Amino acid sequence: MTEPIESIEVSLGDRSYPIWISTGLTESTEQPHFAKHFQAAVGDCTHVVLIHDAAVSNTIASRVEKQLEQAGIRITSISIPSGETSKSVSKLESIWNAMLESGTDRRSVVVAVGGGVVGDLAGFAAASFTRGLRFVQIPTTLLSMVDSSVGGKTGINLPSGKNMVGSFWQPQMVWIDTQSLSTLPDRDFISGMAEVIKYGVIEDAEFFCWLQDKAARLIEKDPETLRYAIRKSCESKARVVAEDERETSGRRAILNYGHTFAHAIEATAGYGVCLHGEAVSIGMQMAAHLAIDMELCDRSLLEEQTAVLSAAKLPLAWKDADPEKMLPVMSHDKKVSHGKLRFVLPDRIGHVAMVGDVPSEKVIAAILACRDEPN
């Protein structure tokens, strides 16, 4: 039986922090579990800037607010519209102004409640306002639980590319309550499955085998299966981040498997048309096609990956994929070195490599393979 609450440590020296995984513990105001762990993580705090997705304003955000108010903490609540369009300079400026008007100072703590968009935006606001405020992540989507809330990446988008402006700013803690997934729309939940499957492909073959067997139960949101998948994903992310926090050694880049293609899909389609996880799923397929063309792996890897993504009901192709539009966006990818694109490509299930000097015609072929064919 799963414990009421589990913890994973992100080991970063004096910036280390816990990831707490629970089910339903945010709901109780009689037993304020969140408030207790919050105070232990941040220390002295009398003011919280609660930045939350408008879609969760009446659910977990209100319960978090109530627990903190019962602890004697003043709350400034800022609601953010859902979707990637909120990750903008104008929205960031509006948050800064609201923080200034509310009397936010260096003793305040920013708490993000929502998906990856809110976490990225609130995290960058915390990193930049008065040169840095304490920060807590409360992810409410599967994708944000297993990926964006862990590791300290924050930022906003520019018209020319995703996450082009931002900073590394680690939270004091990450609080995951899987109960919030019960009301998550199916499309958003399935989108998050792409990041879960990614961990199996890039560094955990045993977990990938488990996913081959359990994907259907995950889609049904079986509580025990879901908690295990979230824990394994967070453990993988924490391991990689601890080894290469700021992407200086290249190790952390493996987390971007499929993302070079995915970010270009999102940008050219228009942010929000294709969800991030959907784009990652298609990007992983493009990357696998490219790996085969580069003779790094054989077709069996693509077939295994396709089977798991299909079982999770994720898309495998994007009919509007256009190499002429995608390649210029990809040229701004943060893995570009000396003007040349680099890709994270699999050579076997559970292991990937960074590959440079990839001929553009092979990149185009990989894109077209996932436009014209389902797998």
Foldseek 3Di string as FASTA:
>chain_A
DDDQKDWDWLDDPVLIAIEIEHAPQLQDLVDNPVLVVVCVLLPDAQEEEEEEEPVCVPDSSVSNVSNVVVVNHHYHYHYFYDFQVCLDPVNLVVVLVSCVVVVNDQRYEYEYEEALNRLQSSLQSQCPRVNHHAYEYEYLALQRLLPRLPQQWHHGADLLFGRPDTDRDHHSYYYYHPNSHVPPDLVRRLLSVLLLCLQQQAANVPSNVVLLVCLLVVSVVPPVVVSVSSVVSNNSLSVQCSVPRPCPVVSNCSSCQLVLQLGLCCSVVDTPPQDSSLSSQQSNQLQAQLCVVVVLAHCVQSVSSLSSSVSSVHFNADQPQDLVSSVSSSQSDPCDDPSWGWHWHGSGRRHTDIDTPRDSVSSVVSNVCRNPDRD
